[in-house]
């Protein structure tokens, strides 16, 4: 895809939000135009959906309802934030995108990735990131990290450990499916080590001096 759209993916506690922020800061410090956003969320309407998706009990939503709400939030986000930024030539750094829906709902929730791909065509068409960083971490370690957060956004964290193991395998499967844009980074490295790897790969991909 000929754009400056970079996404960060990974299971709970993998460190993707931290790394998205660090890459965004690097780009801004080097006088490159960039925005940072997140999913679900990114617009006022999508943030409302975020609140009802990632808070509450795990059984709050059936998997397909959950997936459809994710796509609804994404439609708003793409139309209002992502596409305008891409069209203006900015780097777009996004903490989660459609790979999360493929992994969480399509694979781990067993709806089927093919169904998610069909919905993608309807909702956002051919839009794809140019580069996707997948932070891979042992689910037990990732969940241990998330216990330190006190933001109430713990619905997915409270699914059973098998769900999180399936989620990790789902992301590895996606990396195999989309090798031209997916880069797997070990989430067990230090924050600075991960950041250096991500910056180096970003500079290489986009020919940044």
C-alpha atoms as a PDB file:
ATOM      1  CA  UNK A   1       0.000   0.000   0.000  1.00  0.00           C
ATOM      2  CA  UNK A   2       1.430   3.381  -1.009  1.00  0.00           C
ATOM      3  CA  UNK A   3       0.845   5.336   2.198  1.00  0.00           C
ATOM      4  CA  UNK A   4       2.472   6.230   5.524  1.00  0.00           C
ATOM      5  CA  UNK A   5       0.045   4.174   7.581  1.00  0.00           C
ATOM      6  CA  UNK A   6       1.678   2.190  10.409  1.00  0.00           C
ATOM      7  CA  UNK A   7      -0.240  -0.046  12.811  1.00  0.00           C
ATOM      8  CA  UNK A   8       0.690  -1.700  16.086  1.00  0.00           C
ATOM      9  CA  UNK A   9      -0.789  -5.055  17.073  1.00  0.00           C
ATOM     10  CA  UNK A  10      -0.426  -7.623  19.802  1.00  0.00           C
ATOM     11  CA  UNK A  11      -2.107  -9.352  22.693  1.00  0.00           C
ATOM     12  CA  UNK A  12      -2.922  -7.812  26.052  1.00  0.00           C
ATOM     13  CA  UNK A  13       0.114  -6.305  27.773  1.00  0.00           C
ATOM     14  CA  UNK A  14       2.399  -6.658  24.765  1.00  0.00           C
ATOM     15  CA  UNK A  15       3.551  -3.037  24.959  1.00  0.00           C
ATOM     16  CA  UNK A  16       2.140  -1.855  21.639  1.00  0.00           C
ATOM     17  CA  UNK A  17       0.620   1.370  23.010  1.00  0.00           C
ATOM     18  CA  UNK A  18       3.938   2.405  24.519  1.00  0.00           C
ATOM     19  CA  UNK A  19       5.757   1.680  21.277  1.00  0.00           C
ATOM     20  CA  UNK A  20       3.189   3.496  19.148  1.00  0.00           C
ATOM     21  CA  UNK A  21       3.756   6.587  21.264  1.00  0.00           C
ATOM     22  CA  UNK A  22       7.532   6.289  21.070  1.00  0.00           C
ATOM     23  CA  UNK A  23       7.492   5.991  17.279  1.00  0.00           C
ATOM     24  CA  UNK A  24       5.111   8.939  16.977  1.00  0.00           C
ATOM     25  CA  UNK A  25       7.397  11.047  19.183  1.00  0.00           C
ATOM     26  CA  UNK A  26      10.406  10.068  17.074  1.00  0.00           C
ATOM     27  CA  UNK A  27       8.679  11.159  13.870  1.00  0.00           C
ATOM     28  CA  UNK A  28       7.575  14.495  15.357  1.00  0.00           C
ATOM     29  CA  UNK A  29      11.032  15.161  16.797  1.00  0.00           C
ATOM     30  CA  UNK A  30      12.455  14.623  13.306  1.00  0.00           C
ATOM     31  CA  UNK A  31      10.060  17.144  11.753  1.00  0.00           C
ATOM     32  CA  UNK A  32       7.860  14.582  10.030  1.00  0.00           C
ATOM     33  CA  UNK A  33       4.132  15.208   9.927  1.00  0.00           C
ATOM     34  CA  UNK A  34       2.318  12.515  11.917  1.00  0.00           C
ATOM     35  CA  UNK A  35      -0.765  11.751  13.962  1.00  0.00           C
ATOM     36  CA  UNK A  36      -1.299   9.045  16.564  1.00  0.00           C
ATOM     37  CA  UNK A  37      -4.663   7.403  17.084  1.00  0.00           C
ATOM     38  CA  UNK A  38      -6.179   4.178  18.408  1.00  0.00           C
ATOM     39  CA  UNK A  39      -8.834   1.525  17.950  1.00  0.00           C
ATOM     40  CA  UNK A  40     -11.467   1.029  18.959  1.00  0.00           C
ATOM     41  CA  UNK A  41     -11.826   4.772  19.188  1.00  0.00           C
ATOM     42  CA  UNK A  42     -10.204   7.768  17.551  1.00  0.00           C
ATOM     43  CA  UNK A  43     -13.375   9.830  17.051  1.00  0.00           C
ATOM     44  CA  UNK A  44     -16.055  10.893  19.577  1.00  0.00           C
ATOM     45  CA  UNK A  45     -18.550   8.354  18.220  1.00  0.00           C
ATOM     46  CA  UNK A  46     -15.986   5.555  18.071  1.00  0.00           C
ATOM     47  CA  UNK A  47     -14.851   6.319  21.621  1.00  0.00           C
ATOM     48  CA  UNK A  48     -18.429   5.724  22.796  1.00  0.00           C
ATOM     49  CA  UNK A  49     -18.288   2.293  21.176  1.00  0.00           C
ATOM     50  CA  UNK A  50     -14.865   1.688  22.719  1.00  0.00           C
ATOM     51  CA  UNK A  51     -16.296   2.265  26.157  1.00  0.00           C
ATOM     52  CA  UNK A  52     -18.983  -0.390  25.753  1.00  0.00           C
ATOM     53  CA  UNK A  53     -16.649  -2.850  24.019  1.00  0.00           C
ATOM     54  CA  UNK A  54     -13.692  -3.019  26.359  1.00  0.00           C
ATOM     55  CA  UNK A  55     -15.389  -2.528  29.715  1.00  0.00           C
ATOM     56  CA  UNK A  56     -17.694  -4.899  31.552  1.00  0.00           C
ATOM     57  CA  UNK A  57     -17.871  -8.660  31.773  1.00  0.00           C
ATOM     58  CA  UNK A  58     -16.442 -10.914  29.039  1.00  0.00           C
ATOM     59  CA  UNK A  59     -19.895 -12.290  28.204  1.00  0.00           C
ATOM     60  CA  UNK A  60     -21.321  -8.802  27.668  1.00  0.00           C
ATOM     61  CA  UNK A  61     -21.305  -9.300  23.879  1.00  0.00           C
ATOM     62  CA  UNK A  62     -21.676 -12.290  21.627  1.00  0.00           C
ATOM     63  CA  UNK A  63     -18.648 -12.557  19.307  1.00  0.00           C
ATOM     64  CA  UNK A  64     -20.439 -11.459  16.131  1.00  0.00           C
ATOM     65  CA  UNK A  65     -22.087  -8.481  17.854  1.00  0.00           C
ATOM     66  CA  UNK A  66     -18.683  -7.541  19.210  1.00  0.00           C
ATOM     67  CA  UNK A  67     -17.134  -7.757  15.746  1.00  0.00           C
ATOM     68  CA  UNK A  68     -19.840  -5.640  14.125  1.00  0.00           C
ATOM     69  CA  UNK A  69     -19.414  -2.931  16.759  1.00  0.00           C
ATOM     70  CA  UNK A  70     -15.670  -2.958  16.086  1.00  0.00           C
ATOM     71  CA  UNK A  71     -16.284  -2.457  12.369  1.00  0.00           C
ATOM     72  CA  UNK A  72     -18.782   0.324  13.049  1.00  0.00           C
ATOM     73  CA  UNK A  73     -16.219   2.170  15.167  1.00  0.00           C
ATOM     74  CA  UNK A  74     -13.579   1.573  12.474  1.00  0.00           C
ATOM     75  CA  UNK A  75     -15.762   3.023   9.734  1.00  0.00           C
ATOM     76  CA  UNK A  76     -16.135   6.274  11.674  1.00  0.00           C
ATOM     77  CA  UNK A  77     -12.419   6.325  12.449  1.00  0.00           C
ATOM     78  CA  UNK A  78     -11.295   5.706   8.874  1.00  0.00           C
ATOM     79  CA  UNK A  79     -13.622   8.248   7.326  1.00  0.00           C
ATOM     80  CA  UNK A  80     -13.025  11.032   9.833  1.00  0.00           C
ATOM     81  CA  UNK A  81      -9.383  10.604  10.854  1.00  0.00           C
ATOM     82  CA  UNK A  82      -7.297   8.051   8.987  1.00  0.00           C
ATOM     83  CA  UNK A  83      -8.122   8.740   5.332  1.00  0.00           C
ATOM     84  CA  UNK A  84      -7.885  12.546   5.618  1.00  0.00           C
ATOM     85  CA  UNK A  85      -4.469  12.199   7.287  1.00  0.00           C
ATOM     86  CA  UNK A  86      -3.244   9.717   4.668  1.00  0.00           C
ATOM     87  CA  UNK A  87      -4.490  11.955   1.865  1.00  0.00           C
ATOM     88  CA  UNK A  88      -2.552  14.889   3.321  1.00  0.00           C
ATOM     89  CA  UNK A  89       0.661  12.840   3.316  1.00  0.00           C
ATOM     90  CA  UNK A  90       0.984  12.403   7.078  1.00  0.00           C
ATOM     91  CA  UNK A  91       2.294   9.384   8.914  1.00  0.00           C
ATOM     92  CA  UNK A  92      -0.613   7.710  10.681  1.00  0.00           C
ATOM     93  CA  UNK A  93       0.368   5.719  13.769  1.00  0.00           C
ATOM     94  CA  UNK A  94      -2.530   3.559  14.913  1.00  0.00           C
ATOM     95  CA  UNK A  95      -2.686   1.482  18.093  1.00  0.00           C
ATOM     96  CA  UNK A  96      -4.634  -1.498  16.671  1.00  0.00           C
ATOM     97  CA  UNK A  97      -6.481  -1.729  13.355  1.00  0.00           C
ATOM     98  CA  UNK A  98      -8.344  -4.447  11.482  1.00  0.00           C
ATOM     99  CA  UNK A  99      -5.761  -7.132  12.310  1.00  0.00           C
ATOM    100  CA  UNK A 100      -7.106  -6.970  15.865  1.00  0.00           C
ATOM    101  CA  UNK A 101     -10.579  -7.856  14.610  1.00  0.00           C
ATOM    102  CA  UNK A 102      -9.159 -10.653  12.467  1.00  0.00           C
ATOM    103  CA  UNK A 103      -7.275 -12.003  15.496  1.00  0.00           C
ATOM    104  CA  UNK A 104      -9.721 -11.437  18.370  1.00  0.00           C
ATOM    105  CA  UNK A 105     -13.078 -12.032  16.729  1.00  0.00           C
ATOM    106  CA  UNK A 106     -12.165 -13.832  13.507  1.00  0.00           C
ATOM    107  CA  UNK A 107      -9.722 -16.392  14.908  1.00  0.00           C
ATOM    108  CA  UNK A 108      -9.739 -16.446  18.735  1.00  0.00           C
ATOM    109  CA  UNK A 109     -13.541 -16.102  18.889  1.00  0.00           C
ATOM    110  CA  UNK A 110     -13.806 -18.510  15.940  1.00  0.00           C
ATOM    111  CA  UNK A 111     -16.127 -16.425  13.758  1.00  0.00           C
ATOM    112  CA  UNK A 112     -13.824 -17.037  10.815  1.00  0.00           C
ATOM    113  CA  UNK A 113     -11.270 -14.728   9.253  1.00  0.00           C
ATOM    114  CA  UNK A 114     -12.994 -15.062   5.874  1.00  0.00           C
ATOM    115  CA  UNK A 115     -16.140 -13.442   7.296  1.00  0.00           C
ATOM    116  CA  UNK A 116     -14.068 -10.604   8.705  1.00  0.00           C
ATOM    117  CA  UNK A 117     -12.371 -10.095   5.344  1.00  0.00           C
ATOM    118  CA  UNK A 118     -15.769  -9.898   3.649  1.00  0.00           C
ATOM    119  CA  UNK A 119     -16.938  -7.251   6.110  1.00  0.00           C
ATOM    120  CA  UNK A 120     -13.679  -5.341   5.645  1.00  0.00           C
ATOM    121  CA  UNK A 121     -14.381  -4.950   1.922  1.00  0.00           C
ATOM    122  CA  UNK A 122     -17.774  -3.433   2.675  1.00  0.00           C
ATOM    123  CA  UNK A 123     -16.630  -1.154   5.496  1.00  0.00           C
ATOM    124  CA  UNK A 124     -13.178   0.156   4.493  1.00  0.00           C
ATOM    125  CA  UNK A 125     -12.549  -1.303   1.046  1.00  0.00           C
ATOM    126  CA  UNK A 126      -8.910  -1.784   0.043  1.00  0.00           C
ATOM    127  CA  UNK A 127      -7.356   0.352   2.775  1.00  0.00           C
ATOM    128  CA  UNK A 128      -4.371  -1.393   4.346  1.00  0.00           C
ATOM    129  CA  UNK A 129      -1.384  -0.319   6.409  1.00  0.00           C
ATOM    130  CA  UNK A 130       2.015  -0.176   4.758  1.00  0.00           C
ATOM    131  CA  UNK A 131       3.674  -1.528   7.900  1.00  0.00           C
ATOM    132  CA  UNK A 132       2.324  -3.496  10.849  1.00  0.00           C
ATOM    133  CA  UNK A 133       4.338  -4.223  13.977  1.00  0.00           C
ATOM    134  CA  UNK A 134       3.147  -7.281  15.884  1.00  0.00           C
ATOM    135  CA  UNK A 135       4.502  -7.388  19.418  1.00  0.00           C
ATOM    136  CA  UNK A 136       4.654 -11.012  20.445  1.00  0.00           C
ATOM    137  CA  UNK A 137       4.647 -11.966  24.110  1.00  0.00           C
ATOM    138  CA  UNK A 138       3.774 -14.949  26.261  1.00  0.00           C
ATOM    139  CA  UNK A 139       0.132 -14.426  27.310  1.00  0.00           C
ATOM    140  CA  UNK A 140       0.836 -15.073  30.986  1.00  0.00           C
ATOM    141  CA  UNK A 141       3.511 -12.375  31.029  1.00  0.00           C
ATOM    142  CA  UNK A 142       1.315  -9.950  29.111  1.00  0.00           C
ATOM    143  CA  UNK A 143      -1.619 -10.447  31.466  1.00  0.00           C
ATOM    144  CA  UNK A 144       0.664  -9.968  34.452  1.00  0.00           C
ATOM    145  CA  UNK A 145       1.558  -6.549  33.068  1.00  0.00           C
ATOM    146  CA  UNK A 146      -2.057  -5.546  32.511  1.00  0.00           C
ATOM    147  CA  UNK A 147      -2.931  -6.182  36.153  1.00  0.00           C
ATOM    148  CA  UNK A 148      -0.982  -3.024  36.958  1.00  0.00           C
ATOM    149  CA  UNK A 149      -3.424  -0.890  34.986  1.00  0.00           C
ATOM    150  CA  UNK A 150      -6.413   0.599  36.794  1.00  0.00           C
ATOM    151  CA  UNK A 151      -8.368   2.078  33.896  1.00  0.00           C
ATOM    152  CA  UNK A 152     -11.302  -0.340  33.932  1.00  0.00           C
ATOM    153  CA  UNK A 153     -10.630  -1.354  30.327  1.00  0.00           C
ATOM    154  CA  UNK A 154     -10.158  -4.992  31.218  1.00  0.00           C
ATOM    155  CA  UNK A 155     -12.982  -6.876  29.503  1.00  0.00           C
ATOM    156  CA  UNK A 156     -10.720  -8.732  27.088  1.00  0.00           C
ATOM    157  CA  UNK A 157      -8.090  -9.339  29.734  1.00  0.00           C
ATOM    158  CA  UNK A 158     -10.698 -11.285  31.705  1.00  0.00           C
ATOM    159  CA  UNK A 159     -11.233 -13.920  29.020  1.00  0.00           C
ATOM    160  CA  UNK A 160      -9.704 -17.286  29.960  1.00  0.00           C
ATOM    161  CA  UNK A 161      -6.057 -18.087  29.311  1.00  0.00           C
ATOM    162  CA  UNK A 162      -6.874 -20.349  26.361  1.00  0.00           C
ATOM    163  CA  UNK A 163      -8.424 -17.373  24.567  1.00  0.00           C
ATOM    164  CA  UNK A 164      -5.179 -15.440  25.002  1.00  0.00           C
ATOM    165  CA  UNK A 165      -3.104 -18.379  23.807  1.00  0.00           C
ATOM    166  CA  UNK A 166      -5.324 -18.624  20.725  1.00  0.00           C
ATOM    167  CA  UNK A 167      -4.915 -14.891  20.251  1.00  0.00           C
ATOM    168  CA  UNK A 168      -1.139 -15.176  20.211  1.00  0.00           C
ATOM    169  CA  UNK A 169      -1.313 -17.921  17.594  1.00  0.00           C
ATOM    170  CA  UNK A 170      -3.764 -15.803  15.607  1.00  0.00           C
ATOM    171  CA  UNK A 171      -1.282 -12.959  15.339  1.00  0.00           C
ATOM    172  CA  UNK A 172       1.487 -15.307  14.246  1.00  0.00           C
ATOM    173  CA  UNK A 173      -0.873 -16.674  11.599  1.00  0.00           C
ATOM    174  CA  UNK A 174      -1.621 -13.152  10.369  1.00  0.00           C
ATOM    175  CA  UNK A 175       2.103 -12.440  10.091  1.00  0.00           C
ATOM    176  CA  UNK A 176       2.395 -15.493   7.827  1.00  0.00           C
ATOM    177  CA  UNK A 177      -0.612 -14.369   5.775  1.00  0.00           C
ATOM    178  CA  UNK A 178       0.672 -10.823   5.239  1.00  0.00           C
ATOM    179  CA  UNK A 179       4.485 -11.058   5.265  1.00  0.00           C
ATOM    180  CA  UNK A 180       5.048  -7.984   3.113  1.00  0.00           C
ATOM    181  CA  UNK A 181       3.761  -5.624   5.804  1.00  0.00           C
ATOM    182  CA  UNK A 182       3.978  -7.528   9.097  1.00  0.00           C
ATOM    183  CA  UNK A 183       7.047  -7.399  11.342  1.00  0.00           C
ATOM    184  CA  UNK A 184       7.089  -9.575  14.463  1.00  0.00           C
ATOM    185  CA  UNK A 185       8.908  -7.991  17.403  1.00  0.00           C
ATOM    186  CA  UNK A 186       9.563  -9.815  20.663  1.00  0.00           C
ATOM    187  CA  UNK A 187       7.632  -8.082  23.418  1.00  0.00           C
ATOM    188  CA  UNK A 188       9.978  -9.582  25.995  1.00  0.00           C
ATOM    189  CA  UNK A 189      12.796  -7.207  25.028  1.00  0.00           C
ATOM    190  CA  UNK A 190      13.286  -3.955  26.918  1.00  0.00           C
ATOM    191  CA  UNK A 191      11.221  -0.917  25.939  1.00  0.00           C
ATOM    192  CA  UNK A 192      14.291   0.811  24.491  1.00  0.00           C
ATOM    193  CA  UNK A 193      15.423  -2.275  22.560  1.00  0.00           C
ATOM    194  CA  UNK A 194      11.996  -2.650  20.979  1.00  0.00           C
ATOM    195  CA  UNK A 195      11.845   1.051  20.133  1.00  0.00           C
ATOM    196  CA  UNK A 196      15.223   0.965  18.394  1.00  0.00           C
ATOM    197  CA  UNK A 197      14.139  -2.009  16.282  1.00  0.00           C
ATOM    198  CA  UNK A 198      10.861  -0.339  15.328  1.00  0.00           C
ATOM    199  CA  UNK A 199      12.510   2.956  14.417  1.00  0.00           C
ATOM    200  CA  UNK A 200      15.128   1.159  12.322  1.00  0.00           C
ATOM    201  CA  UNK A 201      12.522  -0.838  10.414  1.00  0.00           C
ATOM    202  CA  UNK A 202      10.384   2.267   9.905  1.00  0.00           C
ATOM    203  CA  UNK A 203      13.325   4.247   8.529  1.00  0.00           C
ATOM    204  CA  UNK A 204      14.164   1.377   6.182  1.00  0.00           C
ATOM    205  CA  UNK A 205      10.597   0.899   4.948  1.00  0.00           C
ATOM    206  CA  UNK A 206       9.962   4.604   4.258  1.00  0.00           C
ATOM    207  CA  UNK A 207      13.499   5.651   3.285  1.00  0.00           C
ATOM    208  CA  UNK A 208      13.827   8.076   6.180  1.00  0.00           C
ATOM    209  CA  UNK A 209      17.401   9.446   6.431  1.00  0.00           C
END
